[in-house]
C-alpha atoms as a PDB file:
ATOM      1  CA  MET A   1      18.552 -20.288  -6.587  1.00  0.00           C
ATOM      2  CA  LEU A   2      14.921 -21.067  -7.105  1.00  0.00           C
ATOM      3  CA  SER A   3      14.212 -23.478  -9.940  1.00  0.00           C
ATOM      4  CA  LEU A   4      11.106 -23.006 -12.042  1.00  0.00           C
ATOM      5  CA  SER A   5       9.351 -25.464 -14.325  1.00  0.00           C
ATOM      6  CA  VAL A   6       8.656 -24.589 -17.990  1.00  0.00           C
ATOM      7  CA  SER A   7       4.915 -24.098 -17.323  1.00  0.00           C
ATOM      8  CA  GLN A   8       5.645 -21.848 -14.260  1.00  0.00           C
ATOM      9  CA  ARG A   9       8.024 -19.782 -16.299  1.00  0.00           C
ATOM     10  CA  ARG A  10       5.463 -19.436 -19.097  1.00  0.00           C
ATOM     11  CA  ASP A  11       2.756 -18.246 -16.682  1.00  0.00           C
ATOM     12  CA  LEU A  12       5.174 -15.768 -15.015  1.00  0.00           C
ATOM     13  CA  LYS A  13       6.202 -14.384 -18.411  1.00  0.00           C
ATOM     14  CA  ALA A  14       2.571 -13.742 -19.212  1.00  0.00           C
ATOM     15  CA  ARG A  15       2.059 -11.952 -15.838  1.00  0.00           C
ATOM     16  CA  ALA A  16       5.238  -9.925 -16.204  1.00  0.00           C
ATOM     17  CA  HIS A  17       4.284  -8.645 -19.718  1.00  0.00           C
ATOM     18  CA  ALA A  18       2.149  -5.855 -18.260  1.00  0.00           C
ATOM     19  CA  LEU A  19       4.689  -4.787 -15.522  1.00  0.00           C
ATOM     20  CA  ASN A  20       7.053  -1.913 -15.735  1.00  0.00           C
ATOM     21  CA  PRO A  21      10.667  -2.119 -14.590  1.00  0.00           C
ATOM     22  CA  VAL A  22      10.939  -1.397 -10.909  1.00  0.00           C
ATOM     23  CA  VAL A  23      14.716  -1.368 -10.535  1.00  0.00           C
ATOM     24  CA  ILE A  24      17.256   0.099 -13.025  1.00  0.00           C
ATOM     25  CA  ILE A  25      20.878  -1.133 -12.985  1.00  0.00           C
ATOM     26  CA  GLY A  26      23.082   1.698 -14.314  1.00  0.00           C
ATOM     27  CA  ASN A  27      26.616   1.777 -15.615  1.00  0.00           C
ATOM     28  CA  ALA A  28      28.031   1.081 -12.127  1.00  0.00           C
ATOM     29  CA  GLY A  29      26.690  -2.449 -12.407  1.00  0.00           C
ATOM     30  CA  LEU A  30      25.353  -4.670  -9.726  1.00  0.00           C
ATOM     31  CA  THR A  31      26.316  -2.733  -6.574  1.00  0.00           C
ATOM     32  CA  PRO A  32      25.304  -3.618  -2.999  1.00  0.00           C
ATOM     33  CA  ALA A  33      22.860  -0.713  -3.054  1.00  0.00           C
ATOM     34  CA  VAL A  34      21.150  -2.139  -6.151  1.00  0.00           C
ATOM     35  CA  LEU A  35      20.972  -5.540  -4.596  1.00  0.00           C
ATOM     36  CA  ASP A  36      19.330  -4.081  -1.522  1.00  0.00           C
ATOM     37  CA  GLU A  37      16.787  -2.258  -3.664  1.00  0.00           C
ATOM     38  CA  ILE A  38      15.963  -5.503  -5.466  1.00  0.00           C
ATOM     39  CA  GLU A  39      15.689  -7.318  -2.147  1.00  0.00           C
ATOM     40  CA  ARG A  40      13.263  -4.659  -0.837  1.00  0.00           C
ATOM     41  CA  SER A  41      11.203  -4.855  -4.015  1.00  0.00           C
ATOM     42  CA  LEU A  42      10.990  -8.654  -3.800  1.00  0.00           C
ATOM     43  CA  LYS A  43       9.585  -8.421  -0.273  1.00  0.00           C
ATOM     44  CA  SER A  44       6.543  -6.549  -1.612  1.00  0.00           C
ATOM     45  CA  HIS A  45       6.297  -7.965  -5.182  1.00  0.00           C
ATOM     46  CA  ASP A  46       6.828 -11.596  -6.085  1.00  0.00           C
ATOM     47  CA  LEU A  47       7.544 -10.890  -9.755  1.00  0.00           C
ATOM     48  CA  LEU A  48      10.001  -8.136 -10.651  1.00  0.00           C
ATOM     49  CA  LYS A  49      11.226  -6.465 -13.867  1.00  0.00           C
ATOM     50  CA  ILE A  50      14.725  -5.078 -13.882  1.00  0.00           C
ATOM     51  CA  ARG A  51      16.130  -2.801 -16.651  1.00  0.00           C
ATOM     52  CA  VAL A  52      19.942  -3.063 -17.250  1.00  0.00           C
ATOM     53  CA  MET A  53      21.692  -0.221 -19.020  1.00  0.00           C
ATOM     54  CA  ASN A  54      24.651  -2.380 -20.138  1.00  0.00           C
ATOM     55  CA  ASP A  55      24.956  -3.216 -23.809  1.00  0.00           C
ATOM     56  CA  ASP A  56      26.854  -6.531 -23.375  1.00  0.00           C
ATOM     57  CA  ARG A  57      24.448  -9.556 -23.398  1.00  0.00           C
ATOM     58  CA  GLU A  58      26.900 -11.833 -21.492  1.00  0.00           C
ATOM     59  CA  VAL A  59      27.209  -9.293 -18.679  1.00  0.00           C
ATOM     60  CA  ARG A  60      23.435  -8.994 -18.440  1.00  0.00           C
ATOM     61  CA  GLU A  61      23.098 -12.812 -18.388  1.00  0.00           C
ATOM     62  CA  ALA A  62      25.770 -12.976 -15.592  1.00  0.00           C
ATOM     63  CA  MET A  63      23.822 -10.293 -13.662  1.00  0.00           C
ATOM     64  CA  LEU A  64      20.634 -12.326 -13.854  1.00  0.00           C
ATOM     65  CA  GLN A  65      22.371 -15.409 -12.570  1.00  0.00           C
ATOM     66  CA  GLU A  66      24.072 -13.510  -9.774  1.00  0.00           C
ATOM     67  CA  ILE A  67      20.872 -11.826  -8.681  1.00  0.00           C
ATOM     68  CA  SER A  68      19.036 -15.179  -8.692  1.00  0.00           C
ATOM     69  CA  GLU A  69      21.758 -16.869  -6.649  1.00  0.00           C
ATOM     70  CA  LEU A  70      22.262 -14.062  -4.039  1.00  0.00           C
ATOM     71  CA  LEU A  71      18.577 -13.355  -3.494  1.00  0.00           C
ATOM     72  CA  ASN A  72      17.292 -16.918  -3.799  1.00  0.00           C
ATOM     73  CA  ALA A  73      15.036 -15.959  -6.734  1.00  0.00           C
ATOM     74  CA  GLY A  74      14.171 -17.764  -9.934  1.00  0.00           C
ATOM     75  CA  PRO A  75      15.203 -16.313 -13.268  1.00  0.00           C
ATOM     76  CA  VAL A  76      12.158 -16.053 -15.500  1.00  0.00           C
ATOM     77  CA  GLN A  77      13.224 -14.183 -18.596  1.00  0.00           C
ATOM     78  CA  HIS A  78      16.000 -12.212 -20.161  1.00  0.00           C
ATOM     79  CA  ILE A  79      14.865 -10.326 -23.185  1.00  0.00           C
ATOM     80  CA  GLY A  80      16.871  -7.395 -24.500  1.00  0.00           C
ATOM     81  CA  LYS A  81      17.856  -5.199 -21.581  1.00  0.00           C
ATOM     82  CA  ILE A  82      15.011  -6.452 -19.387  1.00  0.00           C
ATOM     83  CA  LEU A  83      15.441  -9.124 -16.694  1.00  0.00           C
ATOM     84  CA  VAL A  84      12.522 -10.772 -15.006  1.00  0.00           C
ATOM     85  CA  ILE A  85      12.912 -12.603 -11.646  1.00  0.00           C
ATOM     86  CA  TYR A  86      10.456 -14.327  -9.376  1.00  0.00           C
ATOM     87  CA  ARG A  87      10.494 -15.125  -5.679  1.00  0.00           C
ATOM     88  CA  PRO A  88       7.354 -16.236  -3.814  1.00  0.00           C
ATOM     89  CA  LEU A  89       6.221 -13.768  -1.114  1.00  0.00           C
ATOM     90  CA  GLU A  90       7.218 -14.794   2.386  1.00  0.00           C
ATOM     91  CA  ILE A  91       3.962 -13.546   3.879  1.00  0.00           C
ATOM     92  CA  PRO A  92       1.081 -15.676   2.692  1.00  0.00           C
ATOM     93  CA  ILE A  93      -1.835 -13.670   1.385  1.00  0.00           C
ATOM     94  CA  ALA A  94      -4.938 -14.023   3.570  1.00  0.00           C
ATOM     95  CA  LYS A  95      -7.740 -15.941   2.060  1.00  0.00           C
ATOM     96  CA  PRO A  96     -11.149 -14.392   1.910  1.00  0.00           C
ATOM     97  CA  PRO A  97     -13.533 -15.484   4.657  1.00  0.00           C
ATOM     98  CA  LYS A  98     -15.691 -18.458   3.902  1.00  0.00           C
ATOM     99  CA  ARG A  99     -19.351 -17.932   3.176  1.00  0.00           C
ATOM    100  CA  ARG A 100     -21.771 -18.702   5.923  1.00  0.00           C
ATOM    101  CA  THR A 101     -23.323 -22.050   5.364  1.00  0.00           C
ATOM    102  CA  GLY A 102     -26.810 -21.971   6.865  1.00  0.00           C
ATOM    103  CA  LYS A 103     -30.293 -22.470   5.753  1.00  0.00           C
ATOM    104  CA  SER A 104     -30.969 -21.804   2.090  1.00  0.00           C
ATOM    105  CA  LEU A 105     -33.142 -18.890   1.208  1.00  0.00           C
ATOM    106  CA  THR A 106     -36.908 -19.381   0.696  1.00  0.00           C
ATOM    107  CA  LYS A 107     -38.670 -18.259  -2.506  1.00  0.00           C
ATOM    108  CA  LYS A 108     -40.119 -15.329  -0.624  1.00  0.00           C
ATOM    109  CA  GLN A 109     -36.698 -14.216   0.589  1.00  0.00           C
ATOM    110  CA  ILE A 110     -35.220 -14.562  -2.832  1.00  0.00           C
ATOM    111  CA  GLY A 111     -38.081 -12.523  -4.307  1.00  0.00           C
ATOM    112  CA  SER A 112     -37.663  -9.722  -1.761  1.00  0.00           C
ATOM    113  CA  LYS A 113     -33.961  -9.351  -2.765  1.00  0.00           C
ATOM    114  CA  GLY A 114     -34.902  -8.630  -6.379  1.00  0.00           C
ATOM    115  CA  PRO A 115     -33.345  -5.890  -8.535  1.00  0.00           C
ATOM    116  CA  GLY A 116     -33.784  -2.316  -7.171  1.00  0.00           C
ATOM    117  CA  LYS A 117     -34.584  -3.443  -3.649  1.00  0.00           C
ATOM    118  CA  LYS A 118     -32.277  -3.147  -0.731  1.00  0.00           C
END
């Protein structure tokens, strides 16, 4: 299971606020098919909201721990029937190319690139 610091968890909660649940766990519980779907979702999204249809808080808490352990994810939040988990993406996101470092522009070149000119 991935361990998260308090500040990481706080930042992830803020990011998760705008997300919609991607996976819904129904009355059948945490089946292998549901775990596979969560795994697939974690491969494309690092932060994931999961809605659980069970009314028992202890069962939902156990599901959060089980998901975190089986999928090597970090539990971020359990609020109501919503679980939030985090796992960093395996594929690093490409950085934008560096700017060309060459000669600086002259005043004439800067003036020719003024507003309305192409």
